[in-house]
């Protein structure tokens, strides 16, 4: 809330357009981020698709082994296309590998009217995604907290199923729910432990989402102080602003061509880039919109970008 110190996360290098995954880059980046005092490190989720992106949970297992304190998050994993029993086991294992540092960001996935092909490789009927999300979340929470799980659902039946070891964090790793529709925002309050705004969301839209989240928190009688609100933002600090913009345009044309087709001004709408003072202005706007954790996502020169972020930008960010 007002005056609350702002936390900063960092994105883990995960997308590699120019060659095989550079694991040395990953190692150096995450270890330097921990040295610099970042609160958390974050991955994105994609299983099928043309973008060369490492799988989020597998990558976090590697990062857990080479860090000691920084929290590890996913923003967000699309749970309807995952088996909830296997996913619960993977997350519980990651919580142990990391010593209890996991934040589980979850979402229901893209709207079936827009990208029905997203669900085809998983054998999932797109219109069942919400039911699968709710049923899967119930299953995971039960496996994490109960000696035996007995759930007869529409998609899964568990009769006396146990899962050990339980996660280190109790009652389970925090679940942050992402989304943009008012129903998704209400779901984050009713079923989650926090809200994560996505990178492709503009600061203006994020402010509207936060207003609804706070309204729903009040309606549900939940304490806002116990419900973190976060926002990922694509980030490029560069004294040559034209160069930064050109590199962002090129990267987004490779990463999100389907969004750019409908939102040609996407980079201007969602990114924070340019000289340090311009980046300060952009991040302060995200904080003013309600973010308590900001996750700047560099797209190149990870360590250099984080160094400049810590030295030239974060000291000038003011709590809302």
C-alpha atoms as a PDB file:
ATOM      1  CA  UNK A   1       0.000   0.000   0.000  1.00  0.00           C
ATOM      2  CA  UNK A   2       1.074   3.673   0.205  1.00  0.00           C
ATOM      3  CA  UNK A   3       4.690   4.028   1.209  1.00  0.00           C
ATOM      4  CA  UNK A   4       5.362   0.297   1.102  1.00  0.00           C
ATOM      5  CA  UNK A   5       8.909  -0.475  -0.130  1.00  0.00           C
ATOM      6  CA  UNK A   6       8.982  -1.649  -3.725  1.00  0.00           C
ATOM      7  CA  UNK A   7      10.569  -5.008  -4.509  1.00  0.00           C
ATOM      8  CA  UNK A   8      12.287  -5.846  -7.781  1.00  0.00           C
ATOM      9  CA  UNK A   9      12.495  -9.174  -9.539  1.00  0.00           C
ATOM     10  CA  UNK A  10      14.486 -10.104 -12.624  1.00  0.00           C
ATOM     11  CA  UNK A  11      13.662 -12.232 -15.639  1.00  0.00           C
ATOM     12  CA  UNK A  12      15.819 -15.297 -16.254  1.00  0.00           C
ATOM     13  CA  UNK A  13      17.279 -15.518 -19.797  1.00  0.00           C
ATOM     14  CA  UNK A  14      14.957 -18.033 -21.391  1.00  0.00           C
ATOM     15  CA  UNK A  15      14.431 -17.159 -25.079  1.00  0.00           C
ATOM     16  CA  UNK A  16      17.324 -17.792 -27.486  1.00  0.00           C
ATOM     17  CA  UNK A  17      16.689 -16.659 -31.057  1.00  0.00           C
ATOM     18  CA  UNK A  18      20.328 -16.536 -32.167  1.00  0.00           C
ATOM     19  CA  UNK A  19      21.471 -20.070 -31.374  1.00  0.00           C
ATOM     20  CA  UNK A  20      21.333 -22.868 -28.805  1.00  0.00           C
ATOM     21  CA  UNK A  21      20.413 -21.938 -25.206  1.00  0.00           C
ATOM     22  CA  UNK A  22      23.356 -20.187 -23.566  1.00  0.00           C
ATOM     23  CA  UNK A  23      23.485 -21.800 -20.135  1.00  0.00           C
ATOM     24  CA  UNK A  24      26.596 -19.877 -19.186  1.00  0.00           C
ATOM     25  CA  UNK A  25      24.606 -16.683 -19.749  1.00  0.00           C
ATOM     26  CA  UNK A  26      21.835 -18.071 -17.554  1.00  0.00           C
ATOM     27  CA  UNK A  27      24.275 -18.970 -14.794  1.00  0.00           C
ATOM     28  CA  UNK A  28      26.068 -15.637 -14.791  1.00  0.00           C
ATOM     29  CA  UNK A  29      22.822 -13.652 -15.000  1.00  0.00           C
ATOM     30  CA  UNK A  30      20.969 -15.348 -12.155  1.00  0.00           C
ATOM     31  CA  UNK A  31      23.951 -15.424  -9.834  1.00  0.00           C
ATOM     32  CA  UNK A  32      24.659 -11.753 -10.490  1.00  0.00           C
ATOM     33  CA  UNK A  33      20.989 -10.918  -9.901  1.00  0.00           C
ATOM     34  CA  UNK A  34      21.198 -12.616  -6.516  1.00  0.00           C
ATOM     35  CA  UNK A  35      24.393 -10.721  -5.671  1.00  0.00           C
ATOM     36  CA  UNK A  36      22.696  -7.458  -6.615  1.00  0.00           C
ATOM     37  CA  UNK A  37      19.866  -8.143  -4.168  1.00  0.00           C
ATOM     38  CA  UNK A  38      16.941  -8.815  -6.478  1.00  0.00           C
ATOM     39  CA  UNK A  39      13.939 -10.224  -4.622  1.00  0.00           C
ATOM     40  CA  UNK A  40      13.045 -12.926  -7.139  1.00  0.00           C
ATOM     41  CA  UNK A  41      13.838 -14.521 -10.497  1.00  0.00           C
ATOM     42  CA  UNK A  42      11.117 -15.346 -13.026  1.00  0.00           C
ATOM     43  CA  UNK A  43      10.383 -17.617 -15.957  1.00  0.00           C
ATOM     44  CA  UNK A  44       7.559 -17.705 -18.495  1.00  0.00           C
ATOM     45  CA  UNK A  45       5.651 -20.770 -19.669  1.00  0.00           C
ATOM     46  CA  UNK A  46       5.533 -22.334 -23.124  1.00  0.00           C
ATOM     47  CA  UNK A  47       5.565 -26.011 -24.084  1.00  0.00           C
ATOM     48  CA  UNK A  48       4.532 -26.198 -27.753  1.00  0.00           C
ATOM     49  CA  UNK A  49       5.350 -23.326 -30.096  1.00  0.00           C
ATOM     50  CA  UNK A  50       7.933 -21.908 -32.495  1.00  0.00           C
ATOM     51  CA  UNK A  51       9.611 -19.571 -29.967  1.00  0.00           C
ATOM     52  CA  UNK A  52      12.879 -21.158 -28.691  1.00  0.00           C
ATOM     53  CA  UNK A  53      12.048 -20.913 -24.989  1.00  0.00           C
ATOM     54  CA  UNK A  54      13.306 -23.265 -22.270  1.00  0.00           C
ATOM     55  CA  UNK A  55      10.658 -25.076 -20.203  1.00  0.00           C
ATOM     56  CA  UNK A  56       9.930 -23.048 -17.079  1.00  0.00           C
ATOM     57  CA  UNK A  57      10.031 -25.646 -14.277  1.00  0.00           C
ATOM     58  CA  UNK A  58      13.078 -27.449 -15.621  1.00  0.00           C
ATOM     59  CA  UNK A  59      14.922 -24.150 -15.893  1.00  0.00           C
ATOM     60  CA  UNK A  60      13.971 -23.193 -12.331  1.00  0.00           C
ATOM     61  CA  UNK A  61      15.354 -26.507 -11.058  1.00  0.00           C
ATOM     62  CA  UNK A  62      18.701 -25.549 -12.571  1.00  0.00           C
ATOM     63  CA  UNK A  63      18.505 -22.048 -11.119  1.00  0.00           C
ATOM     64  CA  UNK A  64      17.589 -23.454  -7.697  1.00  0.00           C
ATOM     65  CA  UNK A  65      20.873 -25.378  -7.686  1.00  0.00           C
ATOM     66  CA  UNK A  66      23.061 -22.346  -8.410  1.00  0.00           C
ATOM     67  CA  UNK A  67      21.387 -19.793  -6.100  1.00  0.00           C
ATOM     68  CA  UNK A  68      20.696 -19.759  -2.369  1.00  0.00           C
ATOM     69  CA  UNK A  69      18.369 -16.921  -1.343  1.00  0.00           C
ATOM     70  CA  UNK A  70      16.491 -15.334  -4.229  1.00  0.00           C
ATOM     71  CA  UNK A  71      12.875 -16.478  -4.701  1.00  0.00           C
ATOM     72  CA  UNK A  72      11.928 -18.357  -7.887  1.00  0.00           C
ATOM     73  CA  UNK A  73       8.714 -17.687  -9.772  1.00  0.00           C
ATOM     74  CA  UNK A  74       6.721 -18.610 -12.865  1.00  0.00           C
ATOM     75  CA  UNK A  75       4.618 -15.936 -14.535  1.00  0.00           C
ATOM     76  CA  UNK A  76       2.489 -17.792 -15.385  1.00  0.00           C
ATOM     77  CA  UNK A  77       2.166 -21.515 -16.027  1.00  0.00           C
ATOM     78  CA  UNK A  78      -0.921 -22.516 -18.040  1.00  0.00           C
ATOM     79  CA  UNK A  79      -2.279 -25.238 -15.793  1.00  0.00           C
ATOM     80  CA  UNK A  80      -5.223 -26.523 -17.907  1.00  0.00           C
ATOM     81  CA  UNK A  81      -2.783 -28.131 -20.365  1.00  0.00           C
ATOM     82  CA  UNK A  82      -0.774 -29.823 -17.588  1.00  0.00           C
ATOM     83  CA  UNK A  83      -1.628 -32.938 -15.610  1.00  0.00           C
ATOM     84  CA  UNK A  84      -2.289 -31.549 -12.103  1.00  0.00           C
ATOM     85  CA  UNK A  85      -0.893 -34.585 -10.303  1.00  0.00           C
ATOM     86  CA  UNK A  86       2.406 -34.447 -12.184  1.00  0.00           C
ATOM     87  CA  UNK A  87       2.509 -30.656 -11.883  1.00  0.00           C
ATOM     88  CA  UNK A  88       1.943 -30.813  -8.125  1.00  0.00           C
ATOM     89  CA  UNK A  89       4.842 -33.267  -7.820  1.00  0.00           C
ATOM     90  CA  UNK A  90       7.136 -31.128  -9.977  1.00  0.00           C
ATOM     91  CA  UNK A  91       6.401 -27.990  -7.955  1.00  0.00           C
ATOM     92  CA  UNK A  92       6.761 -29.756  -4.612  1.00  0.00           C
ATOM     93  CA  UNK A  93      10.124 -31.116  -5.735  1.00  0.00           C
ATOM     94  CA  UNK A  94      11.224 -27.658  -6.898  1.00  0.00           C
ATOM     95  CA  UNK A  95      10.228 -26.237  -3.520  1.00  0.00           C
ATOM     96  CA  UNK A  96      12.577 -28.737  -1.865  1.00  0.00           C
ATOM     97  CA  UNK A  97      15.389 -28.193  -4.366  1.00  0.00           C
ATOM     98  CA  UNK A  98      15.192 -24.450  -3.674  1.00  0.00           C
ATOM     99  CA  UNK A  99      14.762 -24.645   0.081  1.00  0.00           C
ATOM    100  CA  UNK A 100      11.219 -23.256  -0.040  1.00  0.00           C
ATOM    101  CA  UNK A 101      11.675 -20.365  -2.464  1.00  0.00           C
ATOM    102  CA  UNK A 102       8.980 -21.055  -5.086  1.00  0.00           C
ATOM    103  CA  UNK A 103       6.178 -18.719  -6.178  1.00  0.00           C
ATOM    104  CA  UNK A 104       3.662 -20.487  -8.420  1.00  0.00           C
ATOM    105  CA  UNK A 105       2.115 -18.162 -10.976  1.00  0.00           C
ATOM    106  CA  UNK A 106      -0.828 -19.790 -12.774  1.00  0.00           C
ATOM    107  CA  UNK A 107      -3.328 -18.868 -15.476  1.00  0.00           C
ATOM    108  CA  UNK A 108      -5.997 -20.455 -17.643  1.00  0.00           C
ATOM    109  CA  UNK A 109      -4.311 -19.748 -20.989  1.00  0.00           C
ATOM    110  CA  UNK A 110      -5.271 -17.793 -24.103  1.00  0.00           C
ATOM    111  CA  UNK A 111      -8.907 -17.348 -25.057  1.00  0.00           C
ATOM    112  CA  UNK A 112     -10.058 -20.249 -27.258  1.00  0.00           C
ATOM    113  CA  UNK A 113     -11.799 -17.890 -29.687  1.00  0.00           C
ATOM    114  CA  UNK A 114      -8.477 -16.190 -30.395  1.00  0.00           C
ATOM    115  CA  UNK A 115      -5.977 -19.074 -30.399  1.00  0.00           C
ATOM    116  CA  UNK A 116      -7.806 -22.438 -30.410  1.00  0.00           C
ATOM    117  CA  UNK A 117      -4.700 -24.075 -31.898  1.00  0.00           C
ATOM    118  CA  UNK A 118      -2.866 -23.527 -28.605  1.00  0.00           C
ATOM    119  CA  UNK A 119      -4.728 -26.452 -26.999  1.00  0.00           C
ATOM    120  CA  UNK A 120      -4.627 -28.958 -29.863  1.00  0.00           C
ATOM    121  CA  UNK A 121      -1.215 -30.566 -29.082  1.00  0.00           C
ATOM    122  CA  UNK A 122      -2.403 -31.384 -25.558  1.00  0.00           C
ATOM    123  CA  UNK A 123      -5.657 -33.062 -26.574  1.00  0.00           C
ATOM    124  CA  UNK A 124      -7.605 -30.455 -24.612  1.00  0.00           C
ATOM    125  CA  UNK A 125     -10.993 -29.113 -25.615  1.00  0.00           C
ATOM    126  CA  UNK A 126     -10.341 -25.332 -25.403  1.00  0.00           C
ATOM    127  CA  UNK A 127     -13.713 -24.496 -23.888  1.00  0.00           C
ATOM    128  CA  UNK A 128     -12.979 -26.720 -20.877  1.00  0.00           C
ATOM    129  CA  UNK A 129      -9.961 -24.673 -19.820  1.00  0.00           C
ATOM    130  CA  UNK A 130     -11.668 -22.885 -16.897  1.00  0.00           C
ATOM    131  CA  UNK A 131     -13.143 -26.088 -15.481  1.00  0.00           C
ATOM    132  CA  UNK A 132      -9.773 -27.794 -15.852  1.00  0.00           C
ATOM    133  CA  UNK A 133      -8.053 -24.864 -14.159  1.00  0.00           C
ATOM    134  CA  UNK A 134     -10.348 -24.963 -11.119  1.00  0.00           C
ATOM    135  CA  UNK A 135     -10.311 -28.744 -10.811  1.00  0.00           C
ATOM    136  CA  UNK A 136      -6.544 -28.893 -11.249  1.00  0.00           C
ATOM    137  CA  UNK A 137      -5.953 -26.232  -8.619  1.00  0.00           C
ATOM    138  CA  UNK A 138      -8.149 -28.147  -6.154  1.00  0.00           C
ATOM    139  CA  UNK A 139      -6.176 -31.312  -6.831  1.00  0.00           C
ATOM    140  CA  UNK A 140      -2.782 -29.666  -6.400  1.00  0.00           C
ATOM    141  CA  UNK A 141      -3.726 -27.935  -3.164  1.00  0.00           C
ATOM    142  CA  UNK A 142      -5.120 -31.169  -1.767  1.00  0.00           C
ATOM    143  CA  UNK A 143      -2.039 -33.191  -2.729  1.00  0.00           C
ATOM    144  CA  UNK A 144       0.157 -30.554  -1.091  1.00  0.00           C
ATOM    145  CA  UNK A 145      -1.799 -30.367   2.156  1.00  0.00           C
ATOM    146  CA  UNK A 146      -3.769 -33.586   2.795  1.00  0.00           C
ATOM    147  CA  UNK A 147      -2.519 -37.081   3.746  1.00  0.00           C
ATOM    148  CA  UNK A 148      -4.801 -38.528   1.050  1.00  0.00           C
ATOM    149  CA  UNK A 149      -6.691 -36.878  -1.777  1.00  0.00           C
ATOM    150  CA  UNK A 150     -10.219 -37.943  -2.661  1.00  0.00           C
ATOM    151  CA  UNK A 151     -11.578 -35.930  -5.563  1.00  0.00           C
ATOM    152  CA  UNK A 152     -14.038 -37.168  -8.169  1.00  0.00           C
ATOM    153  CA  UNK A 153     -13.936 -34.478 -10.810  1.00  0.00           C
ATOM    154  CA  UNK A 154     -15.041 -34.043 -14.372  1.00  0.00           C
ATOM    155  CA  UNK A 155     -11.554 -34.729 -15.728  1.00  0.00           C
ATOM    156  CA  UNK A 156      -9.671 -36.556 -12.938  1.00  0.00           C
ATOM    157  CA  UNK A 157     -10.578 -39.021 -10.215  1.00  0.00           C
ATOM    158  CA  UNK A 158      -8.279 -39.445  -7.213  1.00  0.00           C
ATOM    159  CA  UNK A 159      -9.280 -42.088  -4.699  1.00  0.00           C
ATOM    160  CA  UNK A 160      -7.037 -42.107  -1.651  1.00  0.00           C
ATOM    161  CA  UNK A 161      -4.031 -40.756  -3.575  1.00  0.00           C
ATOM    162  CA  UNK A 162      -1.046 -39.596  -1.516  1.00  0.00           C
ATOM    163  CA  UNK A 163       1.889 -37.417  -2.500  1.00  0.00           C
ATOM    164  CA  UNK A 164       5.105 -37.056  -0.524  1.00  0.00           C
ATOM    165  CA  UNK A 165       7.110 -35.131   0.325  1.00  0.00           C
ATOM    166  CA  UNK A 166       4.826 -32.173   0.842  1.00  0.00           C
ATOM    167  CA  UNK A 167       6.252 -28.768  -0.139  1.00  0.00           C
ATOM    168  CA  UNK A 168       8.446 -26.987   2.381  1.00  0.00           C
ATOM    169  CA  UNK A 169       6.242 -23.884   2.321  1.00  0.00           C
ATOM    170  CA  UNK A 170       3.036 -24.217   4.312  1.00  0.00           C
ATOM    171  CA  UNK A 171       0.269 -24.713   3.574  1.00  0.00           C
ATOM    172  CA  UNK A 172       1.793 -24.734   0.060  1.00  0.00           C
ATOM    173  CA  UNK A 173       3.880 -22.466  -2.192  1.00  0.00           C
ATOM    174  CA  UNK A 174       2.083 -19.154  -2.782  1.00  0.00           C
ATOM    175  CA  UNK A 175      -0.162 -19.157  -5.829  1.00  0.00           C
ATOM    176  CA  UNK A 176      -0.270 -15.940  -7.843  1.00  0.00           C
ATOM    177  CA  UNK A 177      -2.929 -15.839 -10.535  1.00  0.00           C
ATOM    178  CA  UNK A 178      -2.519 -13.861 -13.739  1.00  0.00           C
ATOM    179  CA  UNK A 179      -5.146 -12.563 -16.132  1.00  0.00           C
ATOM    180  CA  UNK A 180      -6.861  -9.468 -17.498  1.00  0.00           C
ATOM    181  CA  UNK A 181     -10.588 -10.167 -17.653  1.00  0.00           C
ATOM    182  CA  UNK A 182     -12.580  -9.086 -14.569  1.00  0.00           C
ATOM    183  CA  UNK A 183     -13.495 -12.741 -13.971  1.00  0.00           C
ATOM    184  CA  UNK A 184      -9.784 -13.649 -13.901  1.00  0.00           C
ATOM    185  CA  UNK A 185      -9.063 -10.807 -11.490  1.00  0.00           C
ATOM    186  CA  UNK A 186     -11.858 -11.927  -9.186  1.00  0.00           C
ATOM    187  CA  UNK A 187     -10.519 -15.483  -9.453  1.00  0.00           C
ATOM    188  CA  UNK A 188      -7.069 -14.301  -8.362  1.00  0.00           C
ATOM    189  CA  UNK A 189      -8.612 -12.884  -5.187  1.00  0.00           C
ATOM    190  CA  UNK A 190     -10.865 -15.838  -4.436  1.00  0.00           C
ATOM    191  CA  UNK A 191      -8.429 -18.613  -5.265  1.00  0.00           C
ATOM    192  CA  UNK A 192      -4.956 -17.113  -5.160  1.00  0.00           C
ATOM    193  CA  UNK A 193      -2.405 -15.567  -2.853  1.00  0.00           C
ATOM    194  CA  UNK A 194      -1.354 -12.714  -5.172  1.00  0.00           C
ATOM    195  CA  UNK A 195      -1.781 -11.177  -8.637  1.00  0.00           C
ATOM    196  CA  UNK A 196       0.797 -10.976 -11.448  1.00  0.00           C
ATOM    197  CA  UNK A 197       0.286  -8.533 -14.325  1.00  0.00           C
ATOM    198  CA  UNK A 198       1.696  -9.782 -17.610  1.00  0.00           C
ATOM    199  CA  UNK A 199       4.449  -8.207 -19.667  1.00  0.00           C
ATOM    200  CA  UNK A 200       2.232  -7.567 -22.726  1.00  0.00           C
ATOM    201  CA  UNK A 201      -0.171  -5.499 -20.567  1.00  0.00           C
ATOM    202  CA  UNK A 202       0.158  -1.709 -20.752  1.00  0.00           C
ATOM    203  CA  UNK A 203       0.620   0.299 -17.570  1.00  0.00           C
ATOM    204  CA  UNK A 204      -2.731   2.000 -18.162  1.00  0.00           C
ATOM    205  CA  UNK A 205      -4.534  -1.355 -18.421  1.00  0.00           C
ATOM    206  CA  UNK A 206      -2.623  -2.694 -15.420  1.00  0.00           C
ATOM    207  CA  UNK A 207      -3.849   0.252 -13.330  1.00  0.00           C
ATOM    208  CA  UNK A 208      -7.412  -0.713 -14.180  1.00  0.00           C
ATOM    209  CA  UNK A 209      -6.733  -4.323 -13.250  1.00  0.00           C
ATOM    210  CA  UNK A 210      -5.278  -3.296  -9.892  1.00  0.00           C
ATOM    211  CA  UNK A 211      -8.329  -1.162  -9.134  1.00  0.00           C
ATOM    212  CA  UNK A 212     -10.566  -4.180  -9.699  1.00  0.00           C
ATOM    213  CA  UNK A 213      -8.321  -6.467  -7.653  1.00  0.00           C
ATOM    214  CA  UNK A 214      -8.498  -4.051  -4.737  1.00  0.00           C
ATOM    215  CA  UNK A 215     -12.273  -3.812  -5.112  1.00  0.00           C
ATOM    216  CA  UNK A 216     -12.568  -7.596  -5.058  1.00  0.00           C
ATOM    217  CA  UNK A 217     -10.251  -7.839  -2.037  1.00  0.00           C
ATOM    218  CA  UNK A 218     -12.562  -5.510  -0.151  1.00  0.00           C
ATOM    219  CA  UNK A 219     -15.637  -7.463  -1.224  1.00  0.00           C
ATOM    220  CA  UNK A 220     -14.058 -10.741  -0.091  1.00  0.00           C
ATOM    221  CA  UNK A 221     -12.870  -9.252   3.201  1.00  0.00           C
ATOM    222  CA  UNK A 222      -9.221  -9.954   2.430  1.00  0.00           C
ATOM    223  CA  UNK A 223      -6.372  -7.868   3.782  1.00  0.00           C
ATOM    224  CA  UNK A 224      -4.577  -6.152   0.852  1.00  0.00           C
ATOM    225  CA  UNK A 225      -1.354  -6.173   2.872  1.00  0.00           C
ATOM    226  CA  UNK A 226      -1.253  -9.969   2.583  1.00  0.00           C
ATOM    227  CA  UNK A 227      -1.989 -10.062  -1.161  1.00  0.00           C
ATOM    228  CA  UNK A 228       1.038  -9.058  -3.313  1.00  0.00           C
ATOM    229  CA  UNK A 229       0.500  -7.326  -6.651  1.00  0.00           C
ATOM    230  CA  UNK A 230       3.261  -7.636  -9.259  1.00  0.00           C
ATOM    231  CA  UNK A 231       3.941  -6.570 -12.852  1.00  0.00           C
ATOM    232  CA  UNK A 232       6.447  -7.806 -15.433  1.00  0.00           C
ATOM    233  CA  UNK A 233       7.679  -5.153 -17.862  1.00  0.00           C
ATOM    234  CA  UNK A 234       9.925  -5.497 -20.893  1.00  0.00           C
ATOM    235  CA  UNK A 235      12.940  -3.297 -20.281  1.00  0.00           C
ATOM    236  CA  UNK A 236      15.873  -1.798 -22.198  1.00  0.00           C
ATOM    237  CA  UNK A 237      18.012   0.952 -20.699  1.00  0.00           C
ATOM    238  CA  UNK A 238      20.150   2.579 -23.406  1.00  0.00           C
ATOM    239  CA  UNK A 239      21.492   6.109 -23.808  1.00  0.00           C
ATOM    240  CA  UNK A 240      20.738   5.733 -27.525  1.00  0.00           C
ATOM    241  CA  UNK A 241      16.939   5.575 -27.441  1.00  0.00           C
ATOM    242  CA  UNK A 242      16.544   5.023 -31.180  1.00  0.00           C
ATOM    243  CA  UNK A 243      18.830   1.979 -30.972  1.00  0.00           C
ATOM    244  CA  UNK A 244      16.873   0.578 -28.031  1.00  0.00           C
ATOM    245  CA  UNK A 245      13.582   1.027 -29.859  1.00  0.00           C
ATOM    246  CA  UNK A 246      14.914  -0.637 -33.013  1.00  0.00           C
ATOM    247  CA  UNK A 247      16.159  -3.633 -31.049  1.00  0.00           C
ATOM    248  CA  UNK A 248      12.829  -3.917 -29.216  1.00  0.00           C
ATOM    249  CA  UNK A 249      10.915  -3.796 -32.513  1.00  0.00           C
ATOM    250  CA  UNK A 250      13.069  -6.598 -33.900  1.00  0.00           C
ATOM    251  CA  UNK A 251      12.742  -8.750 -30.786  1.00  0.00           C
ATOM    252  CA  UNK A 252       8.965  -8.399 -30.565  1.00  0.00           C
ATOM    253  CA  UNK A 253       8.562  -9.176 -34.258  1.00  0.00           C
ATOM    254  CA  UNK A 254      10.197 -12.536 -33.487  1.00  0.00           C
ATOM    255  CA  UNK A 255       8.586 -13.197 -30.098  1.00  0.00           C
ATOM    256  CA  UNK A 256       5.005 -11.941 -30.439  1.00  0.00           C
ATOM    257  CA  UNK A 257       4.150 -11.599 -34.145  1.00  0.00           C
ATOM    258  CA  UNK A 258       0.534 -12.631 -33.549  1.00  0.00           C
ATOM    259  CA  UNK A 259       0.062  -9.801 -31.039  1.00  0.00           C
ATOM    260  CA  UNK A 260       1.846  -7.233 -33.207  1.00  0.00           C
ATOM    261  CA  UNK A 261      -0.523  -8.088 -36.042  1.00  0.00           C
ATOM    262  CA  UNK A 262      -3.368  -6.604 -33.980  1.00  0.00           C
ATOM    263  CA  UNK A 263      -1.352  -4.152 -31.856  1.00  0.00           C
ATOM    264  CA  UNK A 264       1.235  -2.454 -34.097  1.00  0.00           C
ATOM    265  CA  UNK A 265       2.085   0.026 -31.311  1.00  0.00           C
ATOM    266  CA  UNK A 266       2.707  -2.734 -28.784  1.00  0.00           C
ATOM    267  CA  UNK A 267       6.296  -1.734 -27.998  1.00  0.00           C
ATOM    268  CA  UNK A 268       5.313   1.854 -27.208  1.00  0.00           C
ATOM    269  CA  UNK A 269       2.388   0.644 -25.081  1.00  0.00           C
ATOM    270  CA  UNK A 270       4.114  -1.903 -22.868  1.00  0.00           C
ATOM    271  CA  UNK A 271       7.891  -1.411 -22.801  1.00  0.00           C
ATOM    272  CA  UNK A 272      10.129   0.691 -20.570  1.00  0.00           C
ATOM    273  CA  UNK A 273      13.170   1.806 -22.575  1.00  0.00           C
ATOM    274  CA  UNK A 274      15.639   4.572 -23.243  1.00  0.00           C
ATOM    275  CA  UNK A 275      17.843   6.747 -21.070  1.00  0.00           C
ATOM    276  CA  UNK A 276      17.848   6.087 -17.311  1.00  0.00           C
ATOM    277  CA  UNK A 277      15.596   9.048 -16.531  1.00  0.00           C
ATOM    278  CA  UNK A 278      13.015   7.816 -19.025  1.00  0.00           C
ATOM    279  CA  UNK A 279      13.181   4.316 -17.510  1.00  0.00           C
ATOM    280  CA  UNK A 280      12.701   5.792 -14.029  1.00  0.00           C
ATOM    281  CA  UNK A 281       9.580   7.537 -15.274  1.00  0.00           C
ATOM    282  CA  UNK A 282       8.234   4.318 -16.792  1.00  0.00           C
ATOM    283  CA  UNK A 283       8.827   2.196 -13.705  1.00  0.00           C
ATOM    284  CA  UNK A 284       7.449   4.879 -11.385  1.00  0.00           C
ATOM    285  CA  UNK A 285       4.271   4.810 -13.490  1.00  0.00           C
ATOM    286  CA  UNK A 286       3.991   1.040 -12.954  1.00  0.00           C
ATOM    287  CA  UNK A 287       4.466   1.530  -9.205  1.00  0.00           C
ATOM    288  CA  UNK A 288       1.893   4.338  -9.155  1.00  0.00           C
ATOM    289  CA  UNK A 289      -0.506   1.938 -10.907  1.00  0.00           C
ATOM    290  CA  UNK A 290      -0.223  -0.416  -7.935  1.00  0.00           C
ATOM    291  CA  UNK A 291       2.744  -2.751  -8.422  1.00  0.00           C
ATOM    292  CA  UNK A 292       4.486  -3.780  -5.203  1.00  0.00           C
ATOM    293  CA  UNK A 293       6.901  -6.038  -7.094  1.00  0.00           C
ATOM    294  CA  UNK A 294       8.230  -4.934 -10.483  1.00  0.00           C
ATOM    295  CA  UNK A 295       9.941  -7.473 -12.734  1.00  0.00           C
ATOM    296  CA  UNK A 296      11.941  -5.662 -15.440  1.00  0.00           C
ATOM    297  CA  UNK A 297      12.618  -8.104 -18.271  1.00  0.00           C
ATOM    298  CA  UNK A 298      15.797  -7.304 -20.258  1.00  0.00           C
ATOM    299  CA  UNK A 299      15.933  -8.912 -23.684  1.00  0.00           C
ATOM    300  CA  UNK A 300      19.706  -8.671 -24.241  1.00  0.00           C
ATOM    301  CA  UNK A 301      22.840  -7.823 -22.230  1.00  0.00           C
ATOM    302  CA  UNK A 302      21.182  -9.196 -19.099  1.00  0.00           C
ATOM    303  CA  UNK A 303      23.922  -8.541 -16.571  1.00  0.00           C
ATOM    304  CA  UNK A 304      24.688  -5.082 -17.938  1.00  0.00           C
ATOM    305  CA  UNK A 305      21.008  -4.156 -17.933  1.00  0.00           C
ATOM    306  CA  UNK A 306      20.589  -5.324 -14.325  1.00  0.00           C
ATOM    307  CA  UNK A 307      23.690  -3.420 -13.239  1.00  0.00           C
ATOM    308  CA  UNK A 308      22.344  -0.188 -14.705  1.00  0.00           C
ATOM    309  CA  UNK A 309      18.914  -0.890 -13.266  1.00  0.00           C
ATOM    310  CA  UNK A 310      20.366  -1.187  -9.754  1.00  0.00           C
ATOM    311  CA  UNK A 311      22.775   1.735 -10.064  1.00  0.00           C
ATOM    312  CA  UNK A 312      20.852   4.284 -12.116  1.00  0.00           C
ATOM    313  CA  UNK A 313      17.141   3.529 -11.881  1.00  0.00           C
ATOM    314  CA  UNK A 314      16.015   1.722  -8.722  1.00  0.00           C
ATOM    315  CA  UNK A 315      17.417   4.425  -6.378  1.00  0.00           C
ATOM    316  CA  UNK A 316      15.026   6.907  -8.055  1.00  0.00           C
ATOM    317  CA  UNK A 317      11.879   4.751  -7.877  1.00  0.00           C
ATOM    318  CA  UNK A 318       9.421   6.068  -5.303  1.00  0.00           C
ATOM    319  CA  UNK A 319       6.769   4.014  -3.465  1.00  0.00           C
ATOM    320  CA  UNK A 320       3.238   4.945  -4.486  1.00  0.00           C
END
